[in-house]
Amino acid sequence: MKKTKSNVIGGMTYFHNPGPGIVSFLILVVILMLPGCKTKKPTSDSTPPIVKWSILNKANNQKQEIVGNGGPIQVNPGDLFTVTCIVEDPEGVQQITLGGGGSYHCAQGDIGKVVNVDLAGKKQDLQPDSQGYVLTKIFIVMNVDLNAWKCQQAGYIFTGGSLTLVGKGKNYFNGTTTANLVFKR
């Protein structure tokens, strides 16, 4: 994959490439066209949504599926993960958010430093369409690259760290579910 531009924000590497954006859009269109991905907005909903994680390690093409909280996922040097946070509710999803944070450690001899990382969150609010239908499934995708975590001071070495992604889903009757996915290196 050709990378046209990359930004590292809070330990996450975001690649800007028109190709993957178009592919993601087409995947979303196909998902929305599948039967069962839309329903009439209900008058009540007594159950909260389900949060799922799909994790692809691009270094070795291994994929994991997790429902709810997950991890810690051990990260080796060179690993790059594509993480999809999926929220499902048979009565409709109103909102999905994905954010998080973590910290990593640098050391020089007996002197250590902790660097805190906050991720800029992503949020998607949904509304019924013109016929009153709502989506029952929605997702947000992020790349996780802990290789971007570097010690800034000369002589300090990276000694480890962890990153927690926080996914949250909400339905139209304020039923909410939060799930954490932890990466450690």
N, C-alpha and C. Protein backbone atom coordinates (compact mmCIF):
# COMPACT_ATOMS: atom_id res chain seq x y z
N MET A 1 0.85 -1.18 0.00
CA MET A 1 0.00 0.00 0.00
C MET A 1 0.88 1.23 0.00
N LYS A 2 0.65 2.12 -0.90
CA LYS A 2 1.40 3.35 -0.97
C LYS A 2 0.83 4.35 0.02
N LYS A 3 1.69 4.90 0.86
CA LYS A 3 1.26 5.87 1.85
C LYS A 3 1.53 7.26 1.30
N THR A 4 0.49 8.04 1.14
CA THR A 4 0.68 9.36 0.58
C THR A 4 1.05 10.38 1.63
N LYS A 5 0.58 10.23 2.84
CA LYS A 5 0.89 11.15 3.92
C LYS A 5 0.51 10.47 5.22
N SER A 6 1.30 10.65 6.26
CA SER A 6 0.92 10.07 7.54
C SER A 6 1.09 11.08 8.64
N ASN A 7 0.24 10.97 9.64
CA ASN A 7 0.32 11.80 10.83
C ASN A 7 0.32 10.87 12.02
N VAL A 8 1.17 11.15 13.00
CA VAL A 8 1.15 10.39 14.24
C VAL A 8 0.51 11.27 15.29
N ILE A 9 -0.60 10.80 15.84
CA ILE A 9 -1.34 11.55 16.85
C ILE A 9 -1.55 10.63 18.03
N GLY A 10 -0.94 10.95 19.14
CA GLY A 10 -1.15 10.18 20.36
C GLY A 10 -0.85 8.70 20.22
N GLY A 11 0.19 8.36 19.47
CA GLY A 11 0.55 6.96 19.34
C GLY A 11 -0.22 6.24 18.26
N MET A 12 -1.13 6.91 17.60
CA MET A 12 -1.89 6.31 16.51
C MET A 12 -1.36 6.90 15.22
N THR A 13 -1.13 6.07 14.23
CA THR A 13 -0.71 6.56 12.94
C THR A 13 -1.90 6.55 12.02
N TYR A 14 -2.19 7.68 11.43
CA TYR A 14 -3.30 7.81 10.51
C TYR A 14 -2.72 8.00 9.12
N PHE A 15 -3.06 7.13 8.18
CA PHE A 15 -2.57 7.25 6.83
C PHE A 15 -3.66 7.86 5.96
N HIS A 16 -3.28 8.85 5.18
CA HIS A 16 -4.21 9.50 4.28
C HIS A 16 -3.94 8.98 2.88
N ASN A 17 -4.86 8.23 2.33
CA ASN A 17 -4.71 7.65 1.02
C ASN A 17 -6.10 7.53 0.43
N PRO A 18 -6.34 8.14 -0.71
CA PRO A 18 -7.70 8.10 -1.26
C PRO A 18 -8.21 6.70 -1.52
N GLY A 19 -7.33 5.75 -1.84
CA GLY A 19 -7.76 4.38 -2.13
C GLY A 19 -8.49 3.74 -0.97
N PRO A 20 -7.85 3.63 0.23
CA PRO A 20 -8.54 3.00 1.35
C PRO A 20 -9.82 3.71 1.76
N GLY A 21 -9.86 5.04 1.62
CA GLY A 21 -11.08 5.78 1.95
C GLY A 21 -12.24 5.36 1.07
N ILE A 22 -11.95 5.19 -0.20
CA ILE A 22 -12.98 4.76 -1.13
C ILE A 22 -13.41 3.33 -0.80
N VAL A 23 -12.43 2.48 -0.49
CA VAL A 23 -12.75 1.09 -0.14
C VAL A 23 -13.62 1.05 1.11
N SER A 24 -13.27 1.84 2.15
CA SER A 24 -14.08 1.88 3.37
C SER A 24 -15.49 2.35 3.08
N PHE A 25 -15.62 3.37 2.23
CA PHE A 25 -16.94 3.87 1.88
C PHE A 25 -17.75 2.79 1.18
N LEU A 26 -17.13 2.08 0.22
CA LEU A 26 -17.84 1.03 -0.49
C LEU A 26 -18.24 -0.11 0.43
N ILE A 27 -17.38 -0.46 1.39
CA ILE A 27 -17.73 -1.49 2.36
C ILE A 27 -18.93 -1.05 3.17
N LEU A 28 -18.95 0.22 3.61
CA LEU A 28 -20.08 0.74 4.38
C LEU A 28 -21.36 0.69 3.54
N VAL A 29 -21.28 1.06 2.27
CA VAL A 29 -22.46 1.03 1.41
C VAL A 29 -22.98 -0.39 1.28
N VAL A 30 -22.08 -1.36 1.09
CA VAL A 30 -22.50 -2.76 0.98
C VAL A 30 -23.15 -3.23 2.27
N ILE A 31 -22.56 -2.90 3.42
CA ILE A 31 -23.14 -3.30 4.70
C ILE A 31 -24.53 -2.71 4.87
N LEU A 32 -24.69 -1.45 4.49
CA LEU A 32 -25.99 -0.80 4.67
C LEU A 32 -27.05 -1.40 3.75
N MET A 33 -26.62 -2.01 2.64
CA MET A 33 -27.57 -2.61 1.72
C MET A 33 -27.95 -4.02 2.13
N LEU A 34 -27.21 -4.64 3.04
CA LEU A 34 -27.52 -5.99 3.47
C LEU A 34 -28.83 -6.03 4.24
N PRO A 35 -29.61 -7.09 4.06
CA PRO A 35 -30.84 -7.22 4.85
C PRO A 35 -30.51 -7.31 6.33
N GLY A 36 -31.33 -6.72 7.15
CA GLY A 36 -31.12 -6.81 8.59
C GLY A 36 -30.24 -5.71 9.17
N CYS A 37 -29.67 -4.85 8.34
CA CYS A 37 -28.84 -3.76 8.87
C CYS A 37 -29.65 -2.50 9.14
N LYS A 38 -30.93 -2.53 8.78
CA LYS A 38 -31.81 -1.40 9.05
C LYS A 38 -33.12 -1.93 9.61
N THR A 39 -33.75 -1.12 10.45
CA THR A 39 -35.05 -1.48 11.00
C THR A 39 -35.82 -0.19 11.27
N LYS A 40 -37.11 -0.30 11.39
CA LYS A 40 -37.90 0.87 11.79
C LYS A 40 -37.50 1.26 13.21
N LYS A 41 -37.42 2.56 13.46
CA LYS A 41 -37.07 3.02 14.81
C LYS A 41 -38.16 2.53 15.77
N PRO A 42 -37.75 1.79 16.81
CA PRO A 42 -38.74 1.24 17.73
C PRO A 42 -39.28 2.30 18.70
N THR A 43 -40.33 1.94 19.39
CA THR A 43 -40.89 2.84 20.40
C THR A 43 -40.27 2.61 21.77
N SER A 44 -39.53 1.50 21.91
CA SER A 44 -38.80 1.23 23.15
C SER A 44 -37.67 0.25 22.85
N ASP A 45 -36.71 0.20 23.75
CA ASP A 45 -35.58 -0.73 23.61
C ASP A 45 -35.04 -0.99 25.01
N SER A 46 -35.26 -2.18 25.53
CA SER A 46 -34.88 -2.49 26.90
C SER A 46 -33.47 -3.06 27.03
N THR A 47 -32.78 -3.28 25.92
CA THR A 47 -31.44 -3.85 25.98
C THR A 47 -30.42 -2.88 25.39
N PRO A 48 -29.22 -2.82 25.97
CA PRO A 48 -28.18 -1.94 25.42
C PRO A 48 -27.53 -2.59 24.20
N PRO A 49 -26.77 -1.80 23.44
CA PRO A 49 -26.06 -2.36 22.27
C PRO A 49 -24.93 -3.30 22.69
N ILE A 50 -24.39 -3.99 21.73
CA ILE A 50 -23.22 -4.85 21.91
C ILE A 50 -22.04 -4.17 21.22
N VAL A 51 -20.87 -4.16 21.89
CA VAL A 51 -19.65 -3.64 21.29
C VAL A 51 -18.74 -4.82 20.98
N LYS A 52 -18.28 -4.87 19.73
CA LYS A 52 -17.38 -5.93 19.27
C LYS A 52 -16.11 -5.29 18.71
N TRP A 53 -15.04 -6.08 18.70
CA TRP A 53 -13.76 -5.65 18.14
C TRP A 53 -13.32 -6.65 17.07
N SER A 54 -12.84 -6.14 15.96
CA SER A 54 -12.18 -6.96 14.95
C SER A 54 -10.77 -6.41 14.83
N ILE A 55 -9.76 -7.27 15.11
CA ILE A 55 -8.37 -6.82 15.15
C ILE A 55 -7.58 -7.60 14.11
N LEU A 56 -6.96 -6.88 13.18
CA LEU A 56 -6.12 -7.49 12.16
C LEU A 56 -4.69 -7.04 12.38
N ASN A 57 -3.78 -7.99 12.63
CA ASN A 57 -2.36 -7.69 12.72
C ASN A 57 -1.83 -7.72 11.30
N LYS A 58 -1.49 -6.55 10.76
CA LYS A 58 -1.05 -6.46 9.37
C LYS A 58 0.34 -7.05 9.16
N ALA A 59 1.10 -7.25 10.24
CA ALA A 59 2.44 -7.83 10.11
C ALA A 59 2.38 -9.32 9.77
N ASN A 60 1.36 -10.03 10.30
CA ASN A 60 1.27 -11.47 10.05
C ASN A 60 -0.11 -11.92 9.55
N ASN A 61 -0.99 -10.97 9.29
CA ASN A 61 -2.35 -11.23 8.78
C ASN A 61 -3.21 -12.08 9.72
N GLN A 62 -2.89 -12.10 11.02
CA GLN A 62 -3.75 -12.81 11.98
C GLN A 62 -4.90 -11.89 12.38
N LYS A 63 -6.09 -12.49 12.48
CA LYS A 63 -7.29 -11.72 12.82
C LYS A 63 -7.91 -12.29 14.09
N GLN A 64 -8.39 -11.39 14.95
CA GLN A 64 -9.09 -11.79 16.17
C GLN A 64 -10.44 -11.08 16.20
N GLU A 65 -11.43 -11.76 16.74
CA GLU A 65 -12.75 -11.17 16.97
C GLU A 65 -13.03 -11.26 18.46
N ILE A 66 -13.42 -10.14 19.07
CA ILE A 66 -13.67 -10.10 20.51
C ILE A 66 -15.00 -9.39 20.74
N VAL A 67 -15.83 -9.94 21.63
CA VAL A 67 -17.07 -9.29 22.04
C VAL A 67 -16.83 -8.72 23.43
N GLY A 68 -17.10 -7.42 23.60
CA GLY A 68 -16.90 -6.77 24.89
C GLY A 68 -15.44 -6.41 25.12
N ASN A 69 -15.01 -6.51 26.39
CA ASN A 69 -13.64 -6.15 26.75
C ASN A 69 -12.66 -7.19 26.23
N GLY A 70 -11.45 -6.72 25.87
CA GLY A 70 -10.46 -7.65 25.34
C GLY A 70 -9.04 -7.21 25.66
N GLY A 71 -8.16 -8.20 25.64
CA GLY A 71 -6.75 -7.93 25.82
C GLY A 71 -6.26 -8.43 27.16
N PRO A 72 -5.02 -8.23 27.45
CA PRO A 72 -4.10 -7.42 26.65
C PRO A 72 -3.60 -8.18 25.42
N ILE A 73 -3.50 -7.46 24.33
CA ILE A 73 -2.93 -7.99 23.10
C ILE A 73 -1.46 -7.62 23.11
N GLN A 74 -0.60 -8.63 23.06
CA GLN A 74 0.84 -8.39 23.07
C GLN A 74 1.28 -7.85 21.72
N VAL A 75 2.03 -6.75 21.73
CA VAL A 75 2.50 -6.10 20.52
C VAL A 75 4.00 -6.31 20.41
N ASN A 76 4.43 -6.85 19.27
CA ASN A 76 5.85 -7.02 19.00
C ASN A 76 6.34 -5.88 18.13
N PRO A 77 7.64 -5.57 18.18
CA PRO A 77 8.17 -4.53 17.28
C PRO A 77 7.80 -4.86 15.83
N GLY A 78 7.32 -3.88 15.12
CA GLY A 78 6.91 -4.06 13.73
C GLY A 78 5.44 -4.36 13.55
N ASP A 79 4.73 -4.72 14.61
CA ASP A 79 3.30 -4.99 14.48
C ASP A 79 2.53 -3.71 14.18
N LEU A 80 1.59 -3.81 13.29
CA LEU A 80 0.67 -2.72 12.97
C LEU A 80 -0.72 -3.35 12.92
N PHE A 81 -1.63 -2.78 13.68
CA PHE A 81 -2.98 -3.35 13.79
C PHE A 81 -4.01 -2.42 13.15
N THR A 82 -4.96 -3.02 12.46
CA THR A 82 -6.16 -2.31 12.03
C THR A 82 -7.27 -2.82 12.93
N VAL A 83 -7.86 -1.90 13.70
CA VAL A 83 -8.89 -2.25 14.68
C VAL A 83 -10.22 -1.67 14.22
N THR A 84 -11.23 -2.52 14.20
CA THR A 84 -12.58 -2.08 13.87
C THR A 84 -13.44 -2.25 15.11
N CYS A 85 -14.01 -1.14 15.57
CA CYS A 85 -14.96 -1.16 16.68
C CYS A 85 -16.36 -1.22 16.05
N ILE A 86 -17.12 -2.24 16.41
CA ILE A 86 -18.44 -2.47 15.82
C ILE A 86 -19.49 -2.38 16.93
N VAL A 87 -20.54 -1.62 16.68
CA VAL A 87 -21.66 -1.54 17.63
C VAL A 87 -22.90 -2.08 16.92
N GLU A 88 -23.59 -3.00 17.61
CA GLU A 88 -24.81 -3.61 17.07
C GLU A 88 -25.94 -3.52 18.09
N ASP A 89 -27.13 -3.25 17.58
CA ASP A 89 -28.35 -3.29 18.40
C ASP A 89 -29.50 -3.56 17.44
N PRO A 90 -30.23 -4.66 17.64
CA PRO A 90 -31.31 -5.00 16.70
C PRO A 90 -32.41 -3.94 16.62
N GLU A 91 -32.51 -3.07 17.65
CA GLU A 91 -33.51 -2.00 17.62
C GLU A 91 -32.93 -0.67 17.15
N GLY A 92 -31.66 -0.63 16.79
CA GLY A 92 -31.07 0.58 16.23
C GLY A 92 -29.95 1.16 17.07
N VAL A 93 -28.92 1.64 16.38
CA VAL A 93 -27.77 2.29 17.00
C VAL A 93 -27.86 3.79 16.72
N GLN A 94 -27.76 4.59 17.77
CA GLN A 94 -27.82 6.04 17.61
C GLN A 94 -26.42 6.67 17.59
N GLN A 95 -25.46 6.04 18.30
CA GLN A 95 -24.15 6.68 18.41
C GLN A 95 -23.06 5.63 18.63
N ILE A 96 -21.90 5.90 18.04
CA ILE A 96 -20.70 5.12 18.29
C ILE A 96 -19.55 6.09 18.54
N THR A 97 -18.71 5.77 19.53
CA THR A 97 -17.51 6.56 19.78
C THR A 97 -16.34 5.61 19.96
N LEU A 98 -15.16 6.09 19.59
CA LEU A 98 -13.93 5.33 19.77
C LEU A 98 -12.84 6.31 20.13
N GLY A 99 -12.18 6.06 21.25
CA GLY A 99 -11.08 6.90 21.72
C GLY A 99 -10.22 6.08 22.65
N GLY A 100 -9.54 6.74 23.54
CA GLY A 100 -8.73 6.03 24.52
C GLY A 100 -7.45 6.75 24.85
N GLY A 101 -6.51 6.01 25.40
CA GLY A 101 -5.24 6.57 25.78
C GLY A 101 -4.36 5.52 26.40
N GLY A 102 -3.20 5.95 26.83
CA GLY A 102 -2.27 5.01 27.44
C GLY A 102 -1.02 5.73 27.90
N SER A 103 0.02 4.94 28.12
CA SER A 103 1.30 5.51 28.53
C SER A 103 2.40 4.56 28.13
N TYR A 104 3.59 5.14 27.98
CA TYR A 104 4.77 4.30 27.75
C TYR A 104 5.91 4.83 28.60
N HIS A 105 6.92 3.99 28.75
CA HIS A 105 8.00 4.26 29.68
C HIS A 105 9.33 4.31 28.95
N CYS A 106 10.16 5.26 29.34
CA CYS A 106 11.51 5.40 28.83
C CYS A 106 12.46 5.39 30.02
N ALA A 107 13.62 4.79 29.84
CA ALA A 107 14.56 4.71 30.96
C ALA A 107 15.99 4.96 30.48
N GLN A 108 16.75 5.55 31.41
CA GLN A 108 18.19 5.70 31.22
C GLN A 108 18.81 5.28 32.55
N GLY A 109 19.36 4.07 32.57
CA GLY A 109 19.86 3.54 33.83
C GLY A 109 18.72 3.37 34.82
N ASP A 110 18.87 4.00 36.00
CA ASP A 110 17.84 3.91 37.04
C ASP A 110 16.80 5.03 36.95
N ILE A 111 16.93 5.88 35.95
CA ILE A 111 16.01 7.02 35.81
C ILE A 111 14.95 6.66 34.77
N GLY A 112 13.70 6.80 35.18
CA GLY A 112 12.61 6.48 34.28
C GLY A 112 11.70 7.67 34.06
N LYS A 113 11.05 7.67 32.90
CA LYS A 113 10.06 8.70 32.56
C LYS A 113 8.82 8.02 32.01
N VAL A 114 7.69 8.59 32.33
CA VAL A 114 6.41 8.10 31.82
C VAL A 114 5.86 9.15 30.87
N VAL A 115 5.46 8.70 29.69
CA VAL A 115 4.84 9.59 28.70
C VAL A 115 3.38 9.17 28.55
N ASN A 116 2.46 10.07 28.83
CA ASN A 116 1.03 9.79 28.70
C ASN A 116 0.56 10.14 27.29
N VAL A 117 -0.35 9.35 26.79
CA VAL A 117 -0.87 9.51 25.44
C VAL A 117 -2.39 9.56 25.50
N ASP A 118 -2.99 10.60 24.94
CA ASP A 118 -4.44 10.68 24.80
C ASP A 118 -4.78 10.61 23.32
N LEU A 119 -5.74 9.78 22.98
CA LEU A 119 -6.16 9.66 21.59
C LEU A 119 -7.31 10.61 21.29
N ALA A 120 -7.22 11.23 20.17
CA ALA A 120 -8.34 12.05 19.71
C ALA A 120 -9.47 11.09 19.37
N GLY A 121 -10.60 11.25 20.01
CA GLY A 121 -11.71 10.34 19.80
C GLY A 121 -12.43 10.59 18.49
N LYS A 122 -13.07 9.53 18.01
CA LYS A 122 -13.93 9.62 16.84
C LYS A 122 -15.36 9.34 17.30
N LYS A 123 -16.32 10.08 16.75
CA LYS A 123 -17.71 9.93 17.16
C LYS A 123 -18.60 10.03 15.94
N GLN A 124 -19.62 9.17 15.90
CA GLN A 124 -20.59 9.21 14.81
C GLN A 124 -21.98 9.16 15.41
N ASP A 125 -22.76 10.22 15.19
CA ASP A 125 -24.16 10.27 15.60
C ASP A 125 -25.02 9.90 14.40
N LEU A 126 -26.03 9.08 14.65
CA LEU A 126 -26.91 8.62 13.58
C LEU A 126 -28.33 9.08 13.83
N GLN A 127 -29.08 9.25 12.74
CA GLN A 127 -30.48 9.65 12.81
C GLN A 127 -31.30 8.74 11.90
N PRO A 128 -32.59 8.61 12.16
CA PRO A 128 -33.43 7.82 11.25
C PRO A 128 -33.45 8.45 9.86
N ASP A 129 -33.63 7.61 8.83
CA ASP A 129 -33.74 8.14 7.47
C ASP A 129 -35.14 8.71 7.26
N SER A 130 -35.43 9.15 6.06
CA SER A 130 -36.71 9.82 5.79
C SER A 130 -37.92 8.90 5.95
N GLN A 131 -37.71 7.58 5.91
CA GLN A 131 -38.81 6.63 6.12
C GLN A 131 -38.87 6.12 7.57
N GLY A 132 -38.02 6.65 8.45
CA GLY A 132 -38.03 6.23 9.84
C GLY A 132 -37.19 5.00 10.15
N TYR A 133 -36.34 4.59 9.21
CA TYR A 133 -35.46 3.43 9.45
C TYR A 133 -34.16 3.88 10.11
N VAL A 134 -33.63 3.00 10.96
CA VAL A 134 -32.37 3.26 11.65
C VAL A 134 -31.41 2.09 11.39
N LEU A 135 -30.12 2.37 11.50
CA LEU A 135 -29.11 1.33 11.32
C LEU A 135 -29.02 0.48 12.58
N THR A 136 -28.81 -0.82 12.38
CA THR A 136 -28.66 -1.73 13.51
C THR A 136 -27.19 -2.10 13.75
N LYS A 137 -26.32 -1.61 12.87
CA LYS A 137 -24.89 -1.92 12.98
C LYS A 137 -24.09 -0.77 12.37
N ILE A 138 -23.02 -0.37 13.08
CA ILE A 138 -22.14 0.70 12.59
C ILE A 138 -20.73 0.41 13.10
N PHE A 139 -19.71 0.97 12.43
CA PHE A 139 -18.34 0.70 12.86
C PHE A 139 -17.44 1.91 12.64
N ILE A 140 -16.31 1.93 13.36
CA ILE A 140 -15.24 2.91 13.18
C ILE A 140 -13.94 2.11 13.11
N VAL A 141 -13.04 2.51 12.20
CA VAL A 141 -11.77 1.83 12.01
C VAL A 141 -10.63 2.75 12.43
N MET A 142 -9.63 2.19 13.14
CA MET A 142 -8.41 2.91 13.53
C MET A 142 -7.21 2.00 13.32
N ASN A 143 -6.08 2.59 12.97
CA ASN A 143 -4.81 1.87 12.95
C ASN A 143 -4.10 2.09 14.27
N VAL A 144 -3.54 1.03 14.82
CA VAL A 144 -2.77 1.10 16.06
C VAL A 144 -1.33 0.74 15.73
N ASP A 145 -0.43 1.69 16.00
CA ASP A 145 0.99 1.50 15.70
C ASP A 145 1.81 1.97 16.90
N LEU A 146 2.13 1.04 17.80
CA LEU A 146 2.93 1.41 18.97
C LEU A 146 4.39 1.61 18.62
N ASN A 147 4.78 1.28 17.39
CA ASN A 147 6.15 1.54 16.93
C ASN A 147 6.42 3.04 16.86
N ALA A 148 5.36 3.83 16.78
CA ALA A 148 5.50 5.29 16.72
C ALA A 148 5.89 5.88 18.07
N TRP A 149 5.79 5.10 19.13
CA TRP A 149 6.16 5.58 20.46
C TRP A 149 7.67 5.56 20.58
N LYS A 150 8.26 6.73 20.66
CA LYS A 150 9.71 6.87 20.73
C LYS A 150 10.09 7.72 21.94
N CYS A 151 11.23 7.40 22.52
CA CYS A 151 11.78 8.22 23.60
C CYS A 151 12.47 9.42 22.97
N GLN A 152 12.10 10.61 23.43
CA GLN A 152 12.59 11.83 22.81
C GLN A 152 13.96 12.28 23.32
N GLN A 153 14.32 11.91 24.53
CA GLN A 153 15.59 12.37 25.08
C GLN A 153 16.71 11.41 24.73
N ALA A 154 17.86 11.97 24.36
CA ALA A 154 19.03 11.17 24.01
C ALA A 154 19.42 10.28 25.19
N GLY A 155 19.76 9.04 24.89
CA GLY A 155 20.19 8.11 25.92
C GLY A 155 19.08 7.32 26.59
N TYR A 156 17.83 7.71 26.39
CA TYR A 156 16.70 6.98 26.98
C TYR A 156 16.25 5.90 26.01
N ILE A 157 15.84 4.75 26.57
CA ILE A 157 15.35 3.66 25.74
C ILE A 157 13.91 3.33 26.12
N PHE A 158 13.16 2.88 25.15
CA PHE A 158 11.77 2.47 25.35
C PHE A 158 11.76 1.18 26.17
N THR A 159 10.98 1.14 27.26
CA THR A 159 10.93 -0.05 28.10
C THR A 159 9.55 -0.69 28.15
N GLY A 160 8.57 -0.13 27.48
CA GLY A 160 7.24 -0.75 27.44
C GLY A 160 6.14 0.26 27.60
N GLY A 161 4.93 -0.20 27.36
CA GLY A 161 3.78 0.67 27.51
C GLY A 161 2.50 -0.06 27.17
N SER A 162 1.40 0.64 27.35
CA SER A 162 0.10 0.06 27.01
C SER A 162 -0.83 1.14 26.47
N LEU A 163 -1.74 0.70 25.64
CA LEU A 163 -2.73 1.57 25.03
C LEU A 163 -4.09 0.91 25.21
N THR A 164 -5.07 1.67 25.68
CA THR A 164 -6.43 1.17 25.84
C THR A 164 -7.36 1.93 24.91
N LEU A 165 -7.98 1.20 23.99
CA LEU A 165 -9.03 1.78 23.15
C LEU A 165 -10.35 1.61 23.89
N VAL A 166 -11.17 2.65 23.84
CA VAL A 166 -12.47 2.62 24.50
C VAL A 166 -13.55 2.82 23.43
N GLY A 167 -14.35 1.78 23.23
CA GLY A 167 -15.46 1.84 22.29
C GLY A 167 -16.77 1.93 23.05
N LYS A 168 -17.67 2.75 22.53
CA LYS A 168 -18.94 2.94 23.22
C LYS A 168 -20.06 3.01 22.19
N GLY A 169 -21.16 2.34 22.50
CA GLY A 169 -22.34 2.39 21.66
C GLY A 169 -23.55 2.82 22.45
N LYS A 170 -24.45 3.56 21.79
CA LYS A 170 -25.67 4.03 22.45
C LYS A 170 -26.84 3.81 21.49
N ASN A 171 -27.98 3.36 22.06
CA ASN A 171 -29.18 3.21 21.23
C ASN A 171 -30.09 4.43 21.41
N TYR A 172 -31.25 4.40 20.79
CA TYR A 172 -32.14 5.56 20.79
C TYR A 172 -32.87 5.78 22.12
N PHE A 173 -32.69 4.86 23.07
CA PHE A 173 -33.33 5.01 24.37
C PHE A 173 -32.29 5.07 25.49
N ASN A 174 -31.10 5.59 25.12
CA ASN A 174 -29.97 5.83 26.03
C ASN A 174 -29.39 4.58 26.66
N GLY A 175 -29.68 3.41 26.12
CA GLY A 175 -28.97 2.21 26.53
C GLY A 175 -27.54 2.32 26.01
N THR A 176 -26.56 2.17 26.88
CA THR A 176 -25.17 2.32 26.46
C THR A 176 -24.34 1.11 26.90
N THR A 177 -23.32 0.83 26.11
CA THR A 177 -22.34 -0.20 26.43
C THR A 177 -20.97 0.36 26.11
N THR A 178 -20.02 0.13 27.03
CA THR A 178 -18.64 0.54 26.83
C THR A 178 -17.76 -0.69 26.92
N ALA A 179 -16.79 -0.80 26.01
CA ALA A 179 -15.86 -1.93 26.03
C ALA A 179 -14.45 -1.40 25.79
N ASN A 180 -13.49 -2.02 26.48
CA ASN A 180 -12.08 -1.64 26.37
C ASN A 180 -11.30 -2.72 25.64
N LEU A 181 -10.33 -2.28 24.86
CA LEU A 181 -9.40 -3.20 24.18
C LEU A 181 -8.00 -2.72 24.50
N VAL A 182 -7.19 -3.58 25.13
CA VAL A 182 -5.87 -3.19 25.64
C VAL A 182 -4.76 -3.82 24.78
N PHE A 183 -3.79 -2.97 24.42
CA PHE A 183 -2.57 -3.40 23.72
C PHE A 183 -1.40 -3.15 24.66
N LYS A 184 -0.44 -4.10 24.71
CA LYS A 184 0.76 -3.94 25.55
C LYS A 184 1.99 -4.27 24.72
N ARG A 185 3.01 -3.47 24.98
CA ARG A 185 4.31 -3.75 24.35
C ARG A 185 5.40 -3.60 25.39
